[in-house]
N, C-alpha and C. Protein backbone atom coordinates (compact mmCIF):
# COMPACT_ATOMS: atom_id res chain seq x y z
N MET A 1 64.70 92.67 118.26
CA MET A 1 66.19 92.69 117.72
C MET A 1 66.07 91.61 116.50
N ALA A 2 66.99 92.26 115.71
CA ALA A 2 67.23 91.21 114.70
C ALA A 2 67.92 90.52 114.50
N ASP A 3 67.89 89.35 113.93
CA ASP A 3 68.66 88.09 114.47
C ASP A 3 70.36 88.40 113.33
N GLY A 4 70.21 89.30 112.62
CA GLY A 4 71.30 89.38 111.90
C GLY A 4 71.38 90.19 110.53
N LEU A 5 72.18 90.32 109.90
CA LEU A 5 71.96 91.19 108.59
C LEU A 5 72.95 90.49 107.57
N ILE A 6 72.71 89.90 106.83
CA ILE A 6 73.56 89.53 105.79
C ILE A 6 73.64 90.54 104.58
N VAL A 7 75.12 90.82 103.94
CA VAL A 7 75.04 91.58 102.90
C VAL A 7 76.43 90.98 101.84
N GLU A 8 75.47 90.93 100.52
CA GLU A 8 76.36 89.69 99.56
C GLU A 8 76.70 91.04 98.36
N VAL A 9 78.35 91.21 98.30
CA VAL A 9 78.70 91.80 97.36
C VAL A 9 79.43 91.34 96.46
N ASP A 10 79.36 91.46 95.19
CA ASP A 10 80.37 90.90 93.92
C ASP A 10 81.46 92.17 94.10
N ALA A 11 82.65 91.69 94.38
CA ALA A 11 83.90 92.50 94.72
C ALA A 11 84.23 91.93 93.09
N ASP A 12 84.55 91.23 92.10
CA ASP A 12 84.95 91.11 91.21
C ASP A 12 85.11 92.61 90.39
N ALA A 13 84.52 93.33 90.13
CA ALA A 13 84.71 94.37 89.44
C ALA A 13 85.77 95.61 90.28
N LEU A 14 85.67 95.67 91.87
CA LEU A 14 86.54 96.22 92.62
C LEU A 14 87.95 95.74 92.39
N LEU A 15 88.09 94.36 92.42
CA LEU A 15 89.15 93.87 92.75
C LEU A 15 89.76 94.00 91.24
N ALA A 16 89.26 93.87 90.08
CA ALA A 16 89.89 94.22 89.08
C ALA A 16 90.18 95.57 88.75
N ALA A 17 89.25 96.55 89.07
CA ALA A 17 89.94 97.87 89.21
C ALA A 17 90.96 98.23 89.40
N ILE A 18 90.91 97.79 91.21
CA ILE A 18 92.27 97.72 91.87
C ILE A 18 93.80 97.24 91.19
N ALA A 19 93.56 96.14 90.46
CA ALA A 19 94.80 95.59 90.17
C ALA A 19 95.00 96.61 88.73
N ARG A 20 94.22 96.95 88.01
CA ARG A 20 94.42 98.30 86.85
C ARG A 20 94.83 99.18 87.33
N LEU A 21 94.77 99.43 88.76
CA LEU A 21 94.97 101.08 89.30
C LEU A 21 96.46 100.33 90.01
N GLY A 22 96.90 99.10 90.02
CA GLY A 22 98.27 99.30 90.87
C GLY A 22 99.28 99.98 90.76
N PRO A 23 99.90 99.80 89.44
CA PRO A 23 101.09 100.58 88.76
C PRO A 23 101.12 102.24 88.94
N ARG A 24 99.90 102.41 88.24
CA ARG A 24 99.89 104.15 88.42
C ARG A 24 99.48 104.69 89.62
N ALA A 25 99.02 104.15 90.84
CA ALA A 25 98.87 104.33 91.97
C ALA A 25 100.14 104.31 93.32
N GLU A 26 101.09 103.43 92.86
CA GLU A 26 102.37 102.98 92.83
C GLU A 26 103.00 104.22 92.92
N ALA A 27 102.80 104.69 91.25
CA ALA A 27 104.05 105.80 91.10
C ALA A 27 103.61 107.21 91.50
N ALA A 28 101.76 107.45 91.22
CA ALA A 28 101.48 108.55 92.25
C ALA A 28 101.96 108.89 93.43
N VAL A 29 101.77 107.50 94.33
CA VAL A 29 102.14 107.71 95.77
C VAL A 29 104.06 107.74 96.01
N ASP A 30 104.52 107.34 95.24
CA ASP A 30 105.94 107.45 95.23
C ASP A 30 106.41 109.00 95.06
N GLU A 31 105.74 109.72 93.84
CA GLU A 31 106.14 110.90 93.65
C GLU A 31 105.47 111.91 95.14
N ALA A 32 104.26 111.65 95.59
CA ALA A 32 103.87 112.56 96.67
C ALA A 32 105.05 112.08 97.63
N ALA A 33 105.59 110.89 97.93
CA ALA A 33 106.62 110.52 99.21
C ALA A 33 107.43 111.14 98.78
N LEU A 34 108.22 111.41 97.72
CA LEU A 34 109.36 112.32 97.26
C LEU A 34 109.62 113.54 97.60
N GLU A 35 108.00 114.52 97.39
CA GLU A 35 107.49 115.87 97.51
C GLU A 35 107.67 115.76 99.14
N THR A 36 106.94 114.90 99.89
CA THR A 36 107.34 114.67 101.54
C THR A 36 108.78 114.58 101.89
N SER A 37 109.18 114.08 101.18
CA SER A 37 110.77 114.03 101.76
C SER A 37 111.73 115.09 101.68
N GLU A 38 111.39 115.84 100.44
CA GLU A 38 111.90 116.84 100.19
C GLU A 38 111.72 117.96 100.94
N ALA A 39 110.29 118.06 101.51
CA ALA A 39 110.04 118.93 102.39
C ALA A 39 110.56 119.02 103.82
N ILE A 40 110.72 117.57 104.13
CA ILE A 40 111.23 117.11 105.23
C ILE A 40 112.95 117.64 105.49
N VAL A 41 113.49 117.24 104.38
CA VAL A 41 114.76 117.74 104.29
C VAL A 41 115.10 119.36 104.75
N ARG A 42 114.20 120.27 103.76
CA ARG A 42 114.31 121.80 103.82
C ARG A 42 114.08 121.84 104.94
N GLU A 43 113.02 121.77 105.75
CA GLU A 43 112.63 122.17 106.96
C GLU A 43 113.63 121.77 108.11
N ALA A 44 113.93 120.20 107.81
CA ALA A 44 114.98 120.17 109.06
C ALA A 44 115.99 120.97 109.04
N LYS A 45 117.10 121.16 107.61
CA LYS A 45 118.20 121.62 107.23
C LYS A 45 117.69 123.09 108.24
N SER A 46 116.81 123.88 107.39
CA SER A 46 116.44 124.96 108.06
C SER A 46 116.46 125.50 109.44
N ARG A 47 115.69 124.22 110.34
CA ARG A 47 115.60 124.27 111.65
C ARG A 47 116.81 124.30 112.15
N LEU A 48 117.64 123.35 112.03
CA LEU A 48 118.95 123.12 112.53
C LEU A 48 120.27 124.11 112.05
N GLN A 49 120.03 124.89 111.17
CA GLN A 49 121.03 125.79 110.75
C GLN A 49 120.51 127.13 111.65
N ARG A 50 119.21 127.38 112.17
CA ARG A 50 118.66 128.39 113.03
C ARG A 50 119.47 127.99 114.32
N GLN A 51 119.55 126.85 114.84
CA GLN A 51 119.59 126.40 116.03
C GLN A 51 121.20 126.78 116.14
N LEU A 52 121.71 125.90 115.07
CA LEU A 52 123.20 126.14 115.30
C LEU A 52 124.10 127.39 115.27
N GLY A 53 123.32 127.92 114.07
CA GLY A 53 123.92 129.04 113.77
C GLY A 53 125.63 129.42 113.41
N SER A 54 126.05 130.42 113.79
CA SER A 54 127.72 130.26 113.52
C SER A 54 128.53 129.12 113.95
N GLN A 55 127.82 128.25 114.95
CA GLN A 55 128.51 127.06 115.39
C GLN A 55 128.47 125.88 114.52
N SER A 56 127.76 125.96 113.31
CA SER A 56 127.76 124.78 112.58
C SER A 56 129.00 124.61 111.60
N THR A 57 129.36 123.54 111.11
CA THR A 57 130.47 123.35 110.54
C THR A 57 129.78 123.20 108.73
N GLY A 58 128.60 122.94 109.12
CA GLY A 58 127.71 122.23 107.85
C GLY A 58 127.60 120.94 107.60
N LEU A 59 128.45 120.07 108.62
CA LEU A 59 128.75 118.74 108.09
C LEU A 59 127.17 117.91 108.70
N THR A 60 126.97 118.28 109.49
CA THR A 60 125.20 117.59 110.26
C THR A 60 123.94 118.48 109.23
N LEU A 61 124.39 119.35 108.75
CA LEU A 61 123.29 119.80 107.58
C LEU A 61 123.52 119.05 106.52
N ALA A 62 124.99 118.79 105.86
CA ALA A 62 124.94 117.88 104.82
C ALA A 62 124.68 116.30 104.70
N GLY A 63 124.75 115.94 106.45
CA GLY A 63 124.21 114.73 106.25
C GLY A 63 122.15 114.42 106.32
N ILE A 64 121.63 115.83 106.39
CA ILE A 64 120.23 115.30 105.78
C ILE A 64 119.92 114.84 104.70
N GLN A 65 119.78 113.65 104.59
CA GLN A 65 119.52 113.31 103.14
C GLN A 65 118.49 112.40 102.62
N ILE A 66 118.04 112.31 101.36
CA ILE A 66 117.14 111.18 101.30
C ILE A 66 117.67 109.86 100.76
N GLU A 67 117.22 109.11 100.76
CA GLU A 67 117.77 107.42 99.90
C GLU A 67 116.58 106.93 99.33
N ARG A 68 116.40 106.24 98.35
CA ARG A 68 115.28 105.62 98.17
C ARG A 68 115.43 104.11 98.62
N ALA A 69 113.84 103.79 99.51
CA ALA A 69 113.93 102.45 99.93
C ALA A 69 113.96 101.44 99.08
N ASP A 70 114.71 100.22 99.94
CA ASP A 70 114.71 99.14 98.56
C ASP A 70 113.05 98.43 98.27
N LEU A 71 111.90 98.84 98.82
CA LEU A 71 111.04 98.30 98.77
C LEU A 71 110.21 99.23 98.29
N GLY A 72 110.81 100.22 98.04
CA GLY A 72 109.67 101.33 97.39
C GLY A 72 109.50 102.50 98.64
N GLY A 73 109.26 103.74 98.00
CA GLY A 73 109.37 104.92 98.73
C GLY A 73 110.84 105.37 99.21
N PHE A 74 111.00 106.44 100.13
CA PHE A 74 112.04 106.94 100.57
C PHE A 74 112.23 106.96 101.91
N LEU A 75 113.55 107.13 102.23
CA LEU A 75 113.89 107.06 103.80
C LEU A 75 114.73 108.48 104.22
N VAL A 76 114.22 109.28 104.72
CA VAL A 76 114.89 110.57 105.18
C VAL A 76 115.76 110.35 106.22
N GLY A 77 117.13 110.91 106.18
CA GLY A 77 117.73 110.33 107.14
C GLY A 77 118.94 111.46 107.68
N SER A 78 119.32 111.51 108.90
CA SER A 78 120.04 112.56 109.38
C SER A 78 121.69 111.64 109.93
N SER A 79 122.86 111.75 109.25
CA SER A 79 123.96 111.37 109.82
C SER A 79 125.15 112.22 109.85
N ARG A 80 126.32 111.80 110.83
CA ARG A 80 127.21 112.79 110.82
C ARG A 80 128.18 112.13 110.70
N GLU A 81 129.48 111.97 110.00
CA GLU A 81 130.72 111.57 110.39
C GLU A 81 131.75 112.39 110.59
N PRO A 82 132.58 112.27 111.65
CA PRO A 82 132.78 111.13 111.90
C PRO A 82 132.42 110.55 113.33
N PHE A 83 130.92 111.50 113.83
CA PHE A 83 130.29 111.09 115.18
C PHE A 83 128.77 110.69 114.54
N PRO A 84 128.57 109.59 114.21
CA PRO A 84 127.48 109.17 113.78
C PRO A 84 126.13 109.58 114.67
N ASN A 85 126.56 109.48 115.76
CA ASN A 85 125.19 109.76 116.68
C ASN A 85 125.07 111.34 117.23
N LEU A 86 125.98 112.14 116.31
CA LEU A 86 125.83 113.31 116.75
C LEU A 86 124.37 114.00 116.38
N PRO A 87 123.88 113.46 115.45
CA PRO A 87 122.36 114.18 115.18
C PRO A 87 121.29 113.94 116.15
N LEU A 88 121.53 112.68 116.87
CA LEU A 88 120.70 112.45 117.79
C LEU A 88 120.71 113.16 119.09
N TRP A 89 122.07 113.28 119.68
CA TRP A 89 122.54 114.35 120.26
C TRP A 89 122.13 115.53 120.20
N ILE A 90 122.25 116.06 119.32
CA ILE A 90 121.72 117.57 118.78
C ILE A 90 120.09 117.37 119.12
N GLU A 91 119.35 116.34 118.89
CA GLU A 91 117.99 116.74 118.56
C GLU A 91 117.57 116.07 119.90
N LYS A 92 117.96 115.45 120.63
CA LYS A 92 117.54 115.25 122.34
C LYS A 92 118.27 115.66 123.27
N GLY A 93 119.44 115.92 123.38
CA GLY A 93 120.45 116.88 123.87
C GLY A 93 120.95 115.56 124.78
N THR A 94 122.13 115.72 125.65
CA THR A 94 122.98 114.94 126.60
C THR A 94 123.39 115.46 127.49
N LYS A 95 123.70 115.00 128.45
CA LYS A 95 124.18 115.27 129.76
C LYS A 95 125.89 115.57 129.47
N TYR A 96 126.46 115.03 128.57
CA TYR A 96 127.47 115.13 128.21
C TYR A 96 127.70 115.57 126.89
N GLY A 97 127.93 116.79 126.77
CA GLY A 97 128.08 117.54 125.26
C GLY A 97 129.46 117.12 124.32
N VAL A 98 129.47 117.61 123.30
CA VAL A 98 130.22 117.56 122.39
C VAL A 98 130.58 118.59 121.85
N ARG A 99 131.98 118.96 121.98
CA ARG A 99 132.53 119.92 120.80
C ARG A 99 133.70 120.12 120.49
N ASN A 100 133.83 120.29 119.04
CA ASN A 100 134.86 119.84 118.48
C ASN A 100 135.39 118.54 118.82
N GLY A 101 134.31 117.67 118.85
CA GLY A 101 134.77 116.45 119.04
C GLY A 101 135.64 116.11 120.81
N ASN A 102 135.36 117.04 121.47
CA ASN A 102 135.84 116.91 122.71
C ASN A 102 134.50 116.40 123.84
N ALA A 103 134.80 116.15 124.73
CA ALA A 103 133.01 115.85 125.63
C ALA A 103 133.63 117.29 126.30
N GLY A 104 132.13 117.84 126.62
CA GLY A 104 132.22 119.20 127.31
C GLY A 104 130.65 119.12 128.06
N GLY A 105 130.24 120.40 128.27
CA GLY A 105 128.96 120.22 129.39
C GLY A 105 128.20 119.66 129.17
N ASN A 106 126.75 119.67 129.61
CA ASN A 106 125.36 119.58 128.98
C ASN A 106 124.89 120.18 127.74
N MET A 107 124.25 119.28 126.82
CA MET A 107 123.78 119.89 125.46
C MET A 107 122.46 120.34 125.68
N ARG A 108 121.86 120.70 125.95
CA ARG A 108 120.20 121.50 125.49
C ARG A 108 119.75 120.48 124.09
N PRO A 109 118.87 119.87 124.16
CA PRO A 109 118.44 119.21 123.01
C PRO A 109 117.84 120.47 122.08
N ARG A 110 118.00 120.31 120.64
CA ARG A 110 117.67 121.36 119.96
C ARG A 110 116.89 120.25 118.63
N PRO A 111 115.99 120.29 118.88
CA PRO A 111 115.12 119.32 117.90
C PRO A 111 114.77 120.16 116.67
N TYR A 112 115.02 119.25 115.46
CA TYR A 112 115.07 119.77 114.44
C TYR A 112 114.44 118.72 113.67
N PHE A 113 114.81 117.45 113.56
CA PHE A 113 114.45 116.30 112.52
C PHE A 113 112.75 115.93 112.74
N TYR A 114 112.71 115.38 113.81
CA TYR A 114 111.37 114.84 114.12
C TYR A 114 110.35 115.88 114.16
N ALA A 115 110.71 116.69 114.47
CA ALA A 115 109.23 118.05 114.64
C ALA A 115 109.15 118.48 112.80
N SER A 116 110.42 118.43 112.35
CA SER A 116 110.02 118.53 110.28
C SER A 116 109.22 117.55 109.98
N ALA A 117 109.51 115.89 110.47
CA ALA A 117 108.85 115.10 109.81
C ALA A 117 107.28 115.19 110.45
N GLU A 118 107.14 115.69 111.47
CA GLU A 118 105.50 115.91 112.09
C GLU A 118 104.89 117.01 111.17
N LEU A 119 105.52 117.99 110.79
CA LEU A 119 104.83 119.09 110.14
C LEU A 119 104.30 118.66 108.59
N GLU A 120 105.14 117.31 108.38
CA GLU A 120 104.70 116.86 106.86
C GLU A 120 103.67 115.87 107.06
N GLU A 121 103.21 115.18 108.24
CA GLU A 121 102.39 114.55 108.26
C GLU A 121 101.49 114.52 107.43
N GLY A 122 100.30 115.88 108.02
CA GLY A 122 99.17 116.23 107.42
C GLY A 122 99.34 116.24 105.78
N PRO A 123 100.35 117.30 105.55
CA PRO A 123 100.31 117.56 103.83
C PRO A 123 100.72 116.34 103.37
N HIS A 124 101.39 115.50 104.20
CA HIS A 124 101.63 114.10 103.22
C HIS A 124 100.64 113.14 102.95
N HIS A 125 99.57 113.21 103.99
CA HIS A 125 98.45 112.65 103.71
C HIS A 125 97.56 113.10 102.69
N ARG A 126 97.57 114.12 102.74
CA ARG A 126 96.77 115.22 101.76
C ARG A 126 97.43 114.93 99.93
N ARG A 127 98.70 114.77 99.96
CA ARG A 127 99.55 114.46 98.64
C ARG A 127 99.36 112.91 98.24
N VAL A 128 98.94 111.98 99.38
CA VAL A 128 98.69 110.60 98.80
C VAL A 128 97.31 110.48 98.50
N SER A 129 96.59 111.50 99.37
CA SER A 129 95.20 110.97 99.14
C SER A 129 94.77 111.64 97.69
N ASP A 130 95.66 112.81 97.27
CA ASP A 130 94.91 113.70 96.32
C ASP A 130 95.66 112.74 94.69
N ALA A 131 96.89 112.23 95.28
CA ALA A 131 97.58 111.48 94.30
C ALA A 131 96.92 110.46 93.72
N LEU A 132 96.36 109.59 94.50
CA LEU A 132 95.55 108.29 94.39
C LEU A 132 93.89 108.54 93.76
N GLN A 133 93.25 109.61 94.41
CA GLN A 133 92.15 110.38 93.86
C GLN A 133 92.44 110.34 92.08
N ASN A 134 93.49 111.21 91.74
CA ASN A 134 94.06 111.67 90.13
C ASN A 134 94.39 109.87 89.56
N ALA A 135 94.83 109.01 90.14
CA ALA A 135 95.21 108.05 89.64
C ALA A 135 93.55 107.20 89.35
N ILE A 136 93.01 107.22 90.33
CA ILE A 136 91.61 106.32 90.30
C ILE A 136 91.04 107.35 89.05
N ASP A 137 90.93 108.78 89.01
CA ASP A 137 90.46 109.59 87.96
C ASP A 137 90.51 109.55 86.65
N ASP A 138 92.28 109.24 86.58
CA ASP A 138 93.07 109.15 85.04
C ASP A 138 92.67 107.33 84.30
N GLU A 139 92.20 106.92 85.27
CA GLU A 139 91.97 105.48 85.09
C GLU A 139 90.35 105.20 84.59
N GLY A 140 89.68 106.08 84.93
CA GLY A 140 88.32 105.99 84.97
C GLY A 140 87.62 105.13 85.64
N LEU A 141 88.30 105.28 86.68
CA LEU A 141 87.54 104.00 87.98
C LEU A 141 86.81 104.88 88.90
N GLY A 142 86.75 106.31 89.01
CA GLY A 142 85.85 106.92 89.84
C GLY A 142 84.14 106.93 89.35
N GLN A 143 83.97 106.40 88.22
CA GLN A 143 82.26 106.53 87.84
C GLN A 143 81.57 105.48 88.03
């Protein structure tokens, strides 16, 4: 049995390449994240509209929006005023339903938000991977 293996690598060139890539990579990933966010919003609105049908006032649909995150990237959220928890109640269901602001019977779950986000997980990974590879190629770092 060998005592061990030592590998010495000069990482200076790699670290310099990563530093050069930084701003370009950030912009590329941001663009991919926006595309993913827009796809989640489209899918969530479509799912919710199908599930609510004629019961929808459109206010919950309008509350599915994209915001720019403070530290970069995007946030997709679902809100509804004057009932800020209504999107969660629709998503998860509740034993106390809400109809026109009044307590009613059970409200079955009508998943629309998390399912839409999960559908975009694979495509998002591909978008980010492609965006980073394109940034690497554009900088001539992939050679």
